[in-house]
C-alpha atoms as a PDB file:
ATOM      1  CA  MET A   1       5.233  -4.896 -40.701  1.00  0.00           C
ATOM      2  CA  LEU A   2       2.163  -4.550 -42.968  1.00  0.00           C
ATOM      3  CA  GLN A   3      -1.071  -6.317 -42.114  1.00  0.00           C
ATOM      4  CA  LYS A   4      -2.578  -8.884 -44.479  1.00  0.00           C
ATOM      5  CA  ASP A   5      -5.279  -6.480 -45.685  1.00  0.00           C
ATOM      6  CA  GLN A   6      -2.635  -3.845 -46.495  1.00  0.00           C
ATOM      7  CA  TRP A   7      -0.527  -6.380 -48.378  1.00  0.00           C
ATOM      8  CA  MET A   8      -3.612  -7.424 -50.323  1.00  0.00           C
ATOM      9  CA  THR A   9      -4.547  -3.788 -51.059  1.00  0.00           C
ATOM     10  CA  ILE A  10      -1.118  -3.222 -52.633  1.00  0.00           C
ATOM     11  CA  HIS A  11      -1.582  -6.178 -54.954  1.00  0.00           C
ATOM     12  CA  VAL A  12      -5.159  -5.197 -55.821  1.00  0.00           C
ATOM     13  CA  LEU A  13      -4.151  -1.612 -56.646  1.00  0.00           C
ATOM     14  CA  LYS A  14      -1.275  -2.874 -58.750  1.00  0.00           C
ATOM     15  CA  GLY A  15      -3.666  -5.192 -60.579  1.00  0.00           C
ATOM     16  CA  GLN A  16      -5.910  -2.177 -61.239  1.00  0.00           C
ATOM     17  CA  GLY A  17      -3.070  -0.517 -63.075  1.00  0.00           C
ATOM     18  CA  LEU A  18      -1.732   1.936 -60.452  1.00  0.00           C
ATOM     19  CA  SER A  19       1.959   2.669 -60.440  1.00  0.00           C
ATOM     20  CA  VAL A  20       4.207   2.032 -57.458  1.00  0.00           C
ATOM     21  CA  ARG A  21       4.319   5.761 -56.766  1.00  0.00           C
ATOM     22  CA  GLU A  22       0.522   6.096 -56.863  1.00  0.00           C
ATOM     23  CA  ILE A  23       0.077   3.121 -54.505  1.00  0.00           C
ATOM     24  CA  ALA A  24       2.632   4.561 -52.091  1.00  0.00           C
ATOM     25  CA  GLN A  25       0.875   7.948 -52.073  1.00  0.00           C
ATOM     26  CA  ARG A  26      -2.581   6.433 -51.597  1.00  0.00           C
ATOM     27  CA  LEU A  27      -1.498   4.190 -48.690  1.00  0.00           C
ATOM     28  CA  GLY A  28       0.951   6.640 -47.127  1.00  0.00           C
ATOM     29  CA  ILE A  29       3.925   4.295 -47.290  1.00  0.00           C
ATOM     30  CA  SER A  30       7.267   4.372 -49.061  1.00  0.00           C
ATOM     31  CA  ARG A  31       7.764   3.214 -52.650  1.00  0.00           C
ATOM     32  CA  ASN A  32      10.439   0.772 -51.482  1.00  0.00           C
ATOM     33  CA  THR A  33       7.869  -0.864 -49.202  1.00  0.00           C
ATOM     34  CA  VAL A  34       5.383  -1.181 -52.049  1.00  0.00           C
ATOM     35  CA  THR A  35       8.014  -2.709 -54.299  1.00  0.00           C
ATOM     36  CA  ARG A  36       9.168  -5.142 -51.608  1.00  0.00           C
ATOM     37  CA  TYR A  37       5.665  -6.416 -50.889  1.00  0.00           C
ATOM     38  CA  LEU A  38       4.693  -6.674 -54.549  1.00  0.00           C
ATOM     39  CA  VAL A  39       7.355  -9.326 -55.176  1.00  0.00           C
ATOM     40  CA  LEU A  40       6.156 -11.444 -52.225  1.00  0.00           C
ATOM     41  CA  PRO A  41       3.506 -14.069 -53.017  1.00  0.00           C
ATOM     42  CA  ASP A  42       2.099 -13.822 -49.476  1.00  0.00           C
ATOM     43  CA  VAL A  43       2.373 -11.783 -46.296  1.00  0.00           C
ATOM     44  CA  PRO A  44       5.788 -12.361 -44.687  1.00  0.00           C
ATOM     45  CA  ARG A  45       5.504 -14.318 -41.456  1.00  0.00           C
ATOM     46  CA  TYR A  46       7.866 -13.542 -38.632  1.00  0.00           C
ATOM     47  CA  LYS A  47       8.767 -16.131 -36.072  1.00  0.00           C
ATOM     48  CA  ALA A  48       8.053 -14.834 -32.610  1.00  0.00           C
ATOM     49  CA  ARG A  49      11.131 -14.410 -30.484  1.00  0.00           C
ATOM     50  CA  GLU A  50      11.275 -16.973 -27.732  1.00  0.00           C
ATOM     51  CA  ALA A  51      10.645 -15.467 -24.297  1.00  0.00           C
ATOM     52  CA  ARG A  52      13.774 -15.325 -22.212  1.00  0.00           C
ATOM     53  CA  PRO A  53      13.585 -16.593 -18.651  1.00  0.00           C
ATOM     54  CA  THR A  54      13.467 -13.752 -16.138  1.00  0.00           C
ATOM     55  CA  LYS A  55      15.111 -13.475 -12.744  1.00  0.00           C
ATOM     56  CA  LEU A  56      11.694 -13.674 -11.137  1.00  0.00           C
ATOM     57  CA  GLU A  57      10.484 -16.787 -12.968  1.00  0.00           C
ATOM     58  CA  PRO A  58      11.852 -19.338 -10.438  1.00  0.00           C
ATOM     59  CA  PHE A  59       9.880 -17.542  -7.717  1.00  0.00           C
ATOM     60  CA  HIS A  60       6.497 -17.342  -9.476  1.00  0.00           C
ATOM     61  CA  ALA A  61       4.998 -20.291  -7.597  1.00  0.00           C
ATOM     62  CA  TYR A  62       6.245 -18.958  -4.269  1.00  0.00           C
ATOM     63  CA  ILE A  63       4.712 -15.510  -4.870  1.00  0.00           C
ATOM     64  CA  VAL A  64       1.342 -16.984  -5.844  1.00  0.00           C
ATOM     65  CA  GLN A  65       1.417 -19.240  -2.785  1.00  0.00           C
ATOM     66  CA  ARG A  66       2.156 -16.287  -0.494  1.00  0.00           C
ATOM     67  CA  MET A  67      -0.597 -14.184  -2.092  1.00  0.00           C
ATOM     68  CA  GLN A  68      -3.100 -17.001  -1.649  1.00  0.00           C
ATOM     69  CA  ALA A  69      -2.086 -17.482   1.991  1.00  0.00           C
ATOM     70  CA  ALA A  70      -2.761 -13.782   2.631  1.00  0.00           C
ATOM     71  CA  GLU A  71      -6.269 -13.766   1.112  1.00  0.00           C
ATOM     72  CA  PRO A  72      -8.673 -12.038   1.483  1.00  0.00           C
ATOM     73  CA  ASP A  73      -6.087  -9.375   2.368  1.00  0.00           C
ATOM     74  CA  ARG A  74      -3.091  -8.390   0.302  1.00  0.00           C
ATOM     75  CA  ILE A  75       0.569  -8.814   1.041  1.00  0.00           C
ATOM     76  CA  ALA A  76       2.705  -5.820   0.063  1.00  0.00           C
ATOM     77  CA  ALA A  77       5.239  -6.197  -2.741  1.00  0.00           C
ATOM     78  CA  PRO A  78       8.144  -4.672  -0.728  1.00  0.00           C
ATOM     79  CA  ALA A  79       7.525  -7.242   2.011  1.00  0.00           C
ATOM     80  CA  LEU A  80       7.605 -10.069  -0.514  1.00  0.00           C
ATOM     81  CA  LEU A  81      10.731  -8.606  -2.057  1.00  0.00           C
ATOM     82  CA  ARG A  82      12.537  -8.956   1.264  1.00  0.00           C
ATOM     83  CA  GLU A  83      11.532 -12.620   1.410  1.00  0.00           C
ATOM     84  CA  LEU A  84      12.645 -13.209  -2.176  1.00  0.00           C
ATOM     85  CA  LYS A  85      16.001 -11.483  -1.610  1.00  0.00           C
ATOM     86  CA  ALA A  86      16.619 -13.852   1.291  1.00  0.00           C
ATOM     87  CA  GLN A  87      16.060 -16.729  -1.148  1.00  0.00           C
ATOM     88  CA  GLY A  88      18.490 -15.395  -3.724  1.00  0.00           C
ATOM     89  CA  TYR A  89      16.337 -13.210  -5.963  1.00  0.00           C
ATOM     90  CA  GLN A  90      18.477 -10.503  -7.569  1.00  0.00           C
ATOM     91  CA  GLY A  91      15.846  -8.615  -9.553  1.00  0.00           C
ATOM     92  CA  GLN A  92      13.947  -5.371  -8.975  1.00  0.00           C
ATOM     93  CA  LEU A  93      10.843  -4.484  -7.005  1.00  0.00           C
ATOM     94  CA  ARG A  94       8.981  -3.406 -10.142  1.00  0.00           C
ATOM     95  CA  SER A  95       9.137  -6.970 -11.518  1.00  0.00           C
ATOM     96  CA  VAL A  96       7.554  -8.302  -8.340  1.00  0.00           C
ATOM     97  CA  GLN A  97       4.885  -5.576  -8.431  1.00  0.00           C
ATOM     98  CA  ALA A  98       4.052  -6.281 -12.087  1.00  0.00           C
ATOM     99  CA  PHE A  99       3.705 -10.023 -11.470  1.00  0.00           C
ATOM    100  CA  MET A 100       1.512  -9.489  -8.408  1.00  0.00           C
ATOM    101  CA  GLN A 101      -0.646  -6.954 -10.245  1.00  0.00           C
ATOM    102  CA  ALA A 102      -1.238  -9.454 -13.036  1.00  0.00           C
ATOM    103  CA  HIS A 103      -2.486 -12.008 -10.528  1.00  0.00           C
ATOM    104  CA  ARG A 104      -5.007  -9.890  -8.649  1.00  0.00           C
ATOM    105  CA  PRO A 105      -7.867  -7.543  -9.630  1.00  0.00           C
ATOM    106  CA  ALA A 106      -7.073  -3.888 -10.060  1.00  0.00           C
ATOM    107  CA  PRO A 107      -8.139  -1.662  -7.132  1.00  0.00           C
ATOM    108  CA  GLY A 108     -10.956   0.826  -7.578  1.00  0.00           C
ATOM    109  CA  LEU A 109     -10.344   4.544  -7.909  1.00  0.00           C
ATOM    110  CA  ALA A 110     -10.217   6.462  -4.627  1.00  0.00           C
ATOM    111  CA  ASP A 111     -11.893   9.791  -4.032  1.00  0.00           C
ATOM    112  CA  PRO A 112      -9.550  12.780  -4.226  1.00  0.00           C
ATOM    113  CA  VAL A 113      -8.360  14.014  -0.830  1.00  0.00           C
ATOM    114  CA  VAL A 114      -6.954  17.424   0.064  1.00  0.00           C
ATOM    115  CA  ARG A 115      -3.762  16.823   2.058  1.00  0.00           C
ATOM    116  CA  PHE A 116      -3.446  18.630   5.405  1.00  0.00           C
ATOM    117  CA  GLU A 117       0.067  19.209   6.754  1.00  0.00           C
ATOM    118  CA  THR A 118       1.078  20.300  10.241  1.00  0.00           C
ATOM    119  CA  ALA A 119       4.157  21.942  11.743  1.00  0.00           C
ATOM    120  CA  PRO A 120       6.827  19.882  13.567  1.00  0.00           C
ATOM    121  CA  GLY A 121       5.670  18.712  16.988  1.00  0.00           C
ATOM    122  CA  ARG A 122       2.145  19.980  16.568  1.00  0.00           C
ATOM    123  CA  GLN A 123       0.002  16.947  15.820  1.00  0.00           C
ATOM    124  CA  MET A 124      -0.023  13.183  16.203  1.00  0.00           C
ATOM    125  CA  GLN A 125      -2.791  10.935  14.901  1.00  0.00           C
ATOM    126  CA  CYS A 126      -3.721   7.855  16.956  1.00  0.00           C
ATOM    127  CA  ASP A 127      -6.194   5.048  16.437  1.00  0.00           C
ATOM    128  CA  PHE A 128      -6.987   1.381  16.998  1.00  0.00           C
ATOM    129  CA  VAL A 129      -7.096  -0.945  14.006  1.00  0.00           C
ATOM    130  CA  VAL A 130      -8.782  -4.351  14.120  1.00  0.00           C
ATOM    131  CA  PHE A 131      -6.920  -7.275  12.602  1.00  0.00           C
ATOM    132  CA  ARG A 132      -8.936 -10.136  14.047  1.00  0.00           C
ATOM    133  CA  ARG A 133     -12.082 -10.561  16.135  1.00  0.00           C
ATOM    134  CA  GLY A 134     -13.614 -13.651  17.721  1.00  0.00           C
ATOM    135  CA  ASN A 135     -12.027 -15.983  20.263  1.00  0.00           C
ATOM    136  CA  HIS A 136      -8.500 -14.765  19.530  1.00  0.00           C
ATOM    137  CA  PRO A 137      -8.853 -11.020  18.863  1.00  0.00           C
ATOM    138  CA  LEU A 138      -5.951  -8.937  17.686  1.00  0.00           C
ATOM    139  CA  TYR A 139      -5.911  -5.141  17.695  1.00  0.00           C
ATOM    140  CA  ALA A 140      -3.168  -2.591  17.188  1.00  0.00           C
ATOM    141  CA  PHE A 141      -2.898   0.861  18.711  1.00  0.00           C
ATOM    142  CA  THR A 142      -1.077   3.009  16.172  1.00  0.00           C
ATOM    143  CA  ALA A 143       0.404   6.497  16.139  1.00  0.00           C
ATOM    144  CA  THR A 144       1.738   8.677  13.333  1.00  0.00           C
ATOM    145  CA  LEU A 145       3.444  12.047  13.773  1.00  0.00           C
ATOM    146  CA  GLY A 146       1.909  14.504  11.322  1.00  0.00           C
ATOM    147  CA  TYR A 147       5.091  16.256  10.247  1.00  0.00           C
ATOM    148  CA  SER A 148       7.684  13.483   9.981  1.00  0.00           C
ATOM    149  CA  ARG A 149       5.323  10.465   9.574  1.00  0.00           C
ATOM    150  CA  TRP A 150       7.195   8.672  12.379  1.00  0.00           C
ATOM    151  CA  ARG A 151       5.172   5.554  13.218  1.00  0.00           C
ATOM    152  CA  TRP A 152       4.605   3.503  16.359  1.00  0.00           C
ATOM    153  CA  VAL A 153       2.549   0.349  17.013  1.00  0.00           C
ATOM    154  CA  ARG A 154       1.515  -1.674  20.057  1.00  0.00           C
ATOM    155  CA  PHE A 155      -0.592  -4.835  19.583  1.00  0.00           C
ATOM    156  CA  ALA A 156      -3.268  -5.772  22.119  1.00  0.00           C
ATOM    157  CA  SER A 157      -6.123  -8.217  22.657  1.00  0.00           C
ATOM    158  CA  ASN A 158      -8.709  -5.456  23.196  1.00  0.00           C
ATOM    159  CA  GLU A 159      -9.302  -1.727  22.757  1.00  0.00           C
ATOM    160  CA  LYS A 160     -10.545  -0.905  26.258  1.00  0.00           C
ATOM    161  CA  ALA A 161      -9.810   2.382  28.010  1.00  0.00           C
ATOM    162  CA  ALA A 162      -7.132   0.813  30.244  1.00  0.00           C
ATOM    163  CA  THR A 163      -5.365  -0.568  27.162  1.00  0.00           C
ATOM    164  CA  LEU A 164      -5.595   2.816  25.444  1.00  0.00           C
ATOM    165  CA  ILE A 165      -3.954   4.551  28.413  1.00  0.00           C
ATOM    166  CA  ALA A 166      -1.217   1.928  28.753  1.00  0.00           C
ATOM    167  CA  CYS A 167      -0.431   2.277  25.053  1.00  0.00           C
ATOM    168  CA  HIS A 168      -0.063   6.049  25.438  1.00  0.00           C
ATOM    169  CA  HIS A 169       2.441   5.626  28.281  1.00  0.00           C
ATOM    170  CA  ALA A 170       4.522   3.257  26.155  1.00  0.00           C
ATOM    171  CA  LEU A 171       4.174   5.517  23.100  1.00  0.00           C
ATOM    172  CA  PHE A 172       5.469   8.655  24.822  1.00  0.00           C
ATOM    173  CA  GLU A 173       8.306   6.701  26.416  1.00  0.00           C
ATOM    174  CA  SER A 174       9.388   5.410  22.998  1.00  0.00           C
ATOM    175  CA  LEU A 175       9.003   8.826  21.393  1.00  0.00           C
ATOM    176  CA  GLY A 176      10.768  10.691  24.161  1.00  0.00           C
ATOM    177  CA  GLY A 177       8.283  13.534  23.948  1.00  0.00           C
ATOM    178  CA  VAL A 178       4.641  14.592  23.583  1.00  0.00           C
ATOM    179  CA  PRO A 179       2.992  16.455  20.685  1.00  0.00           C
ATOM    180  CA  ARG A 180       0.858  19.552  21.239  1.00  0.00           C
ATOM    181  CA  GLU A 181      -2.295  17.758  20.131  1.00  0.00           C
ATOM    182  CA  ILE A 182      -3.484  14.262  19.248  1.00  0.00           C
ATOM    183  CA  LEU A 183      -6.230  13.594  16.722  1.00  0.00           C
ATOM    184  CA  TYR A 184      -8.596  10.689  17.481  1.00  0.00           C
ATOM    185  CA  ASP A 185     -11.739   9.153  16.089  1.00  0.00           C
ATOM    186  CA  ASN A 186     -15.049   9.171  17.980  1.00  0.00           C
ATOM    187  CA  ALA A 187     -14.673   5.928  19.956  1.00  0.00           C
ATOM    188  CA  ARG A 188     -16.346   5.611  23.361  1.00  0.00           C
ATOM    189  CA  THR A 189     -12.967   5.277  25.056  1.00  0.00           C
ATOM    190  CA  ILE A 190     -12.146   8.748  23.691  1.00  0.00           C
ATOM    191  CA  VAL A 191     -15.316  10.837  23.859  1.00  0.00           C
ATOM    192  CA  LEU A 192     -18.606  10.189  25.654  1.00  0.00           C
ATOM    193  CA  ASP A 193     -20.654  13.002  24.157  1.00  0.00           C
ATOM    194  CA  ARG A 194     -19.541  15.008  21.157  1.00  0.00           C
ATOM    195  CA  ASP A 195     -20.358  18.771  21.276  1.00  0.00           C
ATOM    196  CA  ALA A 196     -21.903  18.272  24.731  1.00  0.00           C
ATOM    197  CA  TYR A 197     -21.081  21.837  25.787  1.00  0.00           C
ATOM    198  CA  GLY A 198     -21.353  23.486  22.402  1.00  0.00           C
ATOM    199  CA  ALA A 199     -19.709  23.070  18.997  1.00  0.00           C
ATOM    200  CA  GLY A 200     -16.208  21.699  19.468  1.00  0.00           C
ATOM    201  CA  HIS A 201     -16.595  21.316  23.248  1.00  0.00           C
ATOM    202  CA  HIS A 202     -16.901  17.616  24.011  1.00  0.00           C
ATOM    203  CA  ARG A 203     -17.419  15.480  27.097  1.00  0.00           C
ATOM    204  CA  TRP A 204     -14.258  13.415  27.036  1.00  0.00           C
ATOM    205  CA  HIS A 205     -13.754  10.013  28.580  1.00  0.00           C
ATOM    206  CA  ALA A 206     -12.369  10.579  32.092  1.00  0.00           C
ATOM    207  CA  GLY A 207      -9.366   8.337  31.507  1.00  0.00           C
ATOM    208  CA  LEU A 208      -8.334  10.178  28.363  1.00  0.00           C
ATOM    209  CA  LEU A 209      -8.905  13.559  29.981  1.00  0.00           C
ATOM    210  CA  ASP A 210      -6.637  12.662  32.918  1.00  0.00           C
ATOM    211  CA  LEU A 211      -4.032  11.379  30.476  1.00  0.00           C
ATOM    212  CA  ALA A 212      -4.136  14.605  28.451  1.00  0.00           C
ATOM    213  CA  LYS A 213      -3.802  16.732  31.581  1.00  0.00           C
ATOM    214  CA  HIS A 214      -0.918  14.618  32.866  1.00  0.00           C
ATOM    215  CA  TYR A 215       1.126  14.838  29.660  1.00  0.00           C
ATOM    216  CA  GLY A 216      -0.040  18.265  28.547  1.00  0.00           C
ATOM    217  CA  PHE A 217      -1.481  17.541  25.097  1.00  0.00           C
ATOM    218  CA  MET A 218      -4.795  18.675  23.625  1.00  0.00           C
ATOM    219  CA  PRO A 219      -7.093  15.890  22.343  1.00  0.00           C
ATOM    220  CA  ARG A 220      -8.882  16.592  19.067  1.00  0.00           C
ATOM    221  CA  LEU A 221     -11.624  14.722  17.224  1.00  0.00           C
ATOM    222  CA  CYS A 222     -11.899  14.000  13.530  1.00  0.00           C
ATOM    223  CA  GLN A 223     -15.200  14.660  11.791  1.00  0.00           C
ATOM    224  CA  PRO A 224     -17.806  11.903  12.351  1.00  0.00           C
ATOM    225  CA  TYR A 225     -17.832   9.281   9.589  1.00  0.00           C
ATOM    226  CA  ARG A 226     -14.822  11.000   8.016  1.00  0.00           C
ATOM    227  CA  ALA A 227     -11.897   8.688   8.794  1.00  0.00           C
ATOM    228  CA  ARG A 228      -9.865  10.477   6.107  1.00  0.00           C
ATOM    229  CA  THR A 229      -9.663  13.475   8.499  1.00  0.00           C
ATOM    230  CA  LYS A 230      -6.890  11.490  10.169  1.00  0.00           C
ATOM    231  CA  GLY A 231      -5.698  10.155   6.834  1.00  0.00           C
ATOM    232  CA  LYS A 232      -2.032   9.845   7.808  1.00  0.00           C
ATOM    233  CA  VAL A 233      -2.681   7.159  10.387  1.00  0.00           C
ATOM    234  CA  GLU A 234      -5.364   5.541   8.190  1.00  0.00           C
ATOM    235  CA  ARG A 235      -2.853   5.216   5.332  1.00  0.00           C
ATOM    236  CA  PHE A 236      -0.378   3.759   7.790  1.00  0.00           C
ATOM    237  CA  HIS A 237      -2.959   1.115   8.712  1.00  0.00           C
ATOM    238  CA  ARG A 238      -2.974  -0.102   5.121  1.00  0.00           C
ATOM    239  CA  TYR A 239       0.810  -0.099   5.070  1.00  0.00           C
ATOM    240  CA  LEU A 240       0.975  -1.944   8.407  1.00  0.00           C
ATOM    241  CA  ARG A 241      -1.486  -4.567   7.221  1.00  0.00           C
ATOM    242  CA  GLY A 242       0.140  -5.215   3.875  1.00  0.00           C
ATOM    243  CA  ASN A 243       3.797  -4.832   4.786  1.00  0.00           C
ATOM    244  CA  PHE A 244       3.913  -6.308   8.294  1.00  0.00           C
ATOM    245  CA  TYR A 245       0.772  -8.148   9.383  1.00  0.00           C
ATOM    246  CA  MET A 246      -0.007 -10.106   6.212  1.00  0.00           C
ATOM    247  CA  PRO A 247       3.574 -11.342   5.579  1.00  0.00           C
ATOM    248  CA  LEU A 248       3.988 -12.480   9.184  1.00  0.00           C
ATOM    249  CA  SER A 249       0.504 -13.919   9.771  1.00  0.00           C
ATOM    250  CA  SER A 250       0.378 -15.752   6.435  1.00  0.00           C
ATOM    251  CA  TRP A 251       3.842 -17.211   7.037  1.00  0.00           C
ATOM    252  CA  LEU A 252       2.693 -18.514  10.438  1.00  0.00           C
ATOM    253  CA  LYS A 253      -0.560 -19.739   8.894  1.00  0.00           C
ATOM    254  CA  GLN A 254       1.398 -21.857   6.427  1.00  0.00           C
ATOM    255  CA  SER A 255       3.077 -23.474   9.440  1.00  0.00           C
ATOM    256  CA  GLY A 256      -0.248 -24.107  11.178  1.00  0.00           C
ATOM    257  CA  MET A 257       0.173 -21.283  13.707  1.00  0.00           C
ATOM    258  CA  MET A 258      -1.702 -18.083  14.499  1.00  0.00           C
ATOM    259  CA  LEU A 259      -0.155 -14.673  15.100  1.00  0.00           C
ATOM    260  CA  ASP A 260      -0.711 -13.669  18.741  1.00  0.00           C
ATOM    261  CA  VAL A 261      -0.181 -10.438  20.660  1.00  0.00           C
ATOM    262  CA  ASP A 262       3.208 -11.343  22.134  1.00  0.00           C
ATOM    263  CA  THR A 263       4.676 -12.477  18.815  1.00  0.00           C
ATOM    264  CA  ALA A 264       3.306  -9.440  16.993  1.00  0.00           C
ATOM    265  CA  ASN A 265       4.811  -7.028  19.535  1.00  0.00           C
ATOM    266  CA  ALA A 266       8.134  -8.869  19.505  1.00  0.00           C
ATOM    267  CA  GLU A 267       8.357  -8.498  15.720  1.00  0.00           C
ATOM    268  CA  VAL A 268       6.779  -5.094  15.120  1.00  0.00           C
ATOM    269  CA  GLY A 269       9.471  -3.203  17.018  1.00  0.00           C
ATOM    270  CA  LYS A 270      12.148  -4.486  14.634  1.00  0.00           C
ATOM    271  CA  TRP A 271       9.940  -3.781  11.641  1.00  0.00           C
ATOM    272  CA  LEU A 272       9.327  -0.191  12.761  1.00  0.00           C
ATOM    273  CA  ARG A 273      13.026   0.379  13.388  1.00  0.00           C
ATOM    274  CA  ASP A 274      14.381  -1.268  10.244  1.00  0.00           C
ATOM    275  CA  VAL A 275      11.592  -0.792   7.697  1.00  0.00           C
ATOM    276  CA  ALA A 276       8.693   1.577   8.420  1.00  0.00           C
ATOM    277  CA  ASN A 277      10.666   4.430   9.968  1.00  0.00           C
ATOM    278  CA  GLN A 278      13.569   4.045   7.526  1.00  0.00           C
ATOM    279  CA  ARG A 279      11.446   4.084   4.363  1.00  0.00           C
ATOM    280  CA  ILE A 280      11.635   7.325   2.384  1.00  0.00           C
ATOM    281  CA  HIS A 281       8.155   8.785   2.582  1.00  0.00           C
ATOM    282  CA  PRO A 282       6.681   9.701  -0.828  1.00  0.00           C
ATOM    283  CA  VAL A 283       5.349  13.058   0.443  1.00  0.00           C
ATOM    284  CA  THR A 284       8.140  14.280   2.737  1.00  0.00           C
ATOM    285  CA  HIS A 285      10.946  12.664   0.673  1.00  0.00           C
ATOM    286  CA  ALA A 286      12.698  11.879   3.951  1.00  0.00           C
ATOM    287  CA  SER A 287      13.013   8.979   6.367  1.00  0.00           C
ATOM    288  CA  PRO A 288      10.761   9.400   9.459  1.00  0.00           C
ATOM    289  CA  ALA A 289      13.671   8.311  11.666  1.00  0.00           C
END
């Protein structure tokens, strides 16, 4: 459809004595178009097509409510999709993602990261992630196998050395094995003095050292202030927060309750089994399970 200034230009050029062919050549349009618009007294107005209701429309208010309940964090679209499916939604994930994107600010650009892959059984990445501090703290000890991206989580009320060791026992029991090495950050429950005996030779926490000797794995440290060194488990933290923690905690919050350690551990096992370790990983193109 021609714009008003183009329609007016056609009539002006015609009034200046140009032929239909000359007008068409000058404006780069067909002669039929010039002829059609010359006989019209004004620019043709098209009635906008009425928007058709979408499958997602009945759930708009619910999605906004769930997003607001999760603030200042974000609830993941796949997690919301599961809730919507349970309520009868029959549409696609991309519709949910588009609606959510339109109702929140766009994320900033991340720095490029060189991906580091390891052989099967070689490396696991472990860490604590903080979900809540204060009078009712909530932490999660997490583990991700480097090769398969198999994930494991145990919630706790602290990140003390005794908790760290107990989580390892439960982790290896669930996994049914031990990797050759585990990559950690530089927490005091892991290492007391980095490079104490020379570059790469650290003074480990006694509890962790005994644990490593008992199970036969080699502890490794990521570079200081470089959390992306253990990027696999760091990316899982974002996934855990958006796909598990925020949907569950915000749902409880709407009911006037707070997510505690026992409830989180009771629910996370099912989520790991049915969701996280069944999801096709975008890098490996396979299910961790």
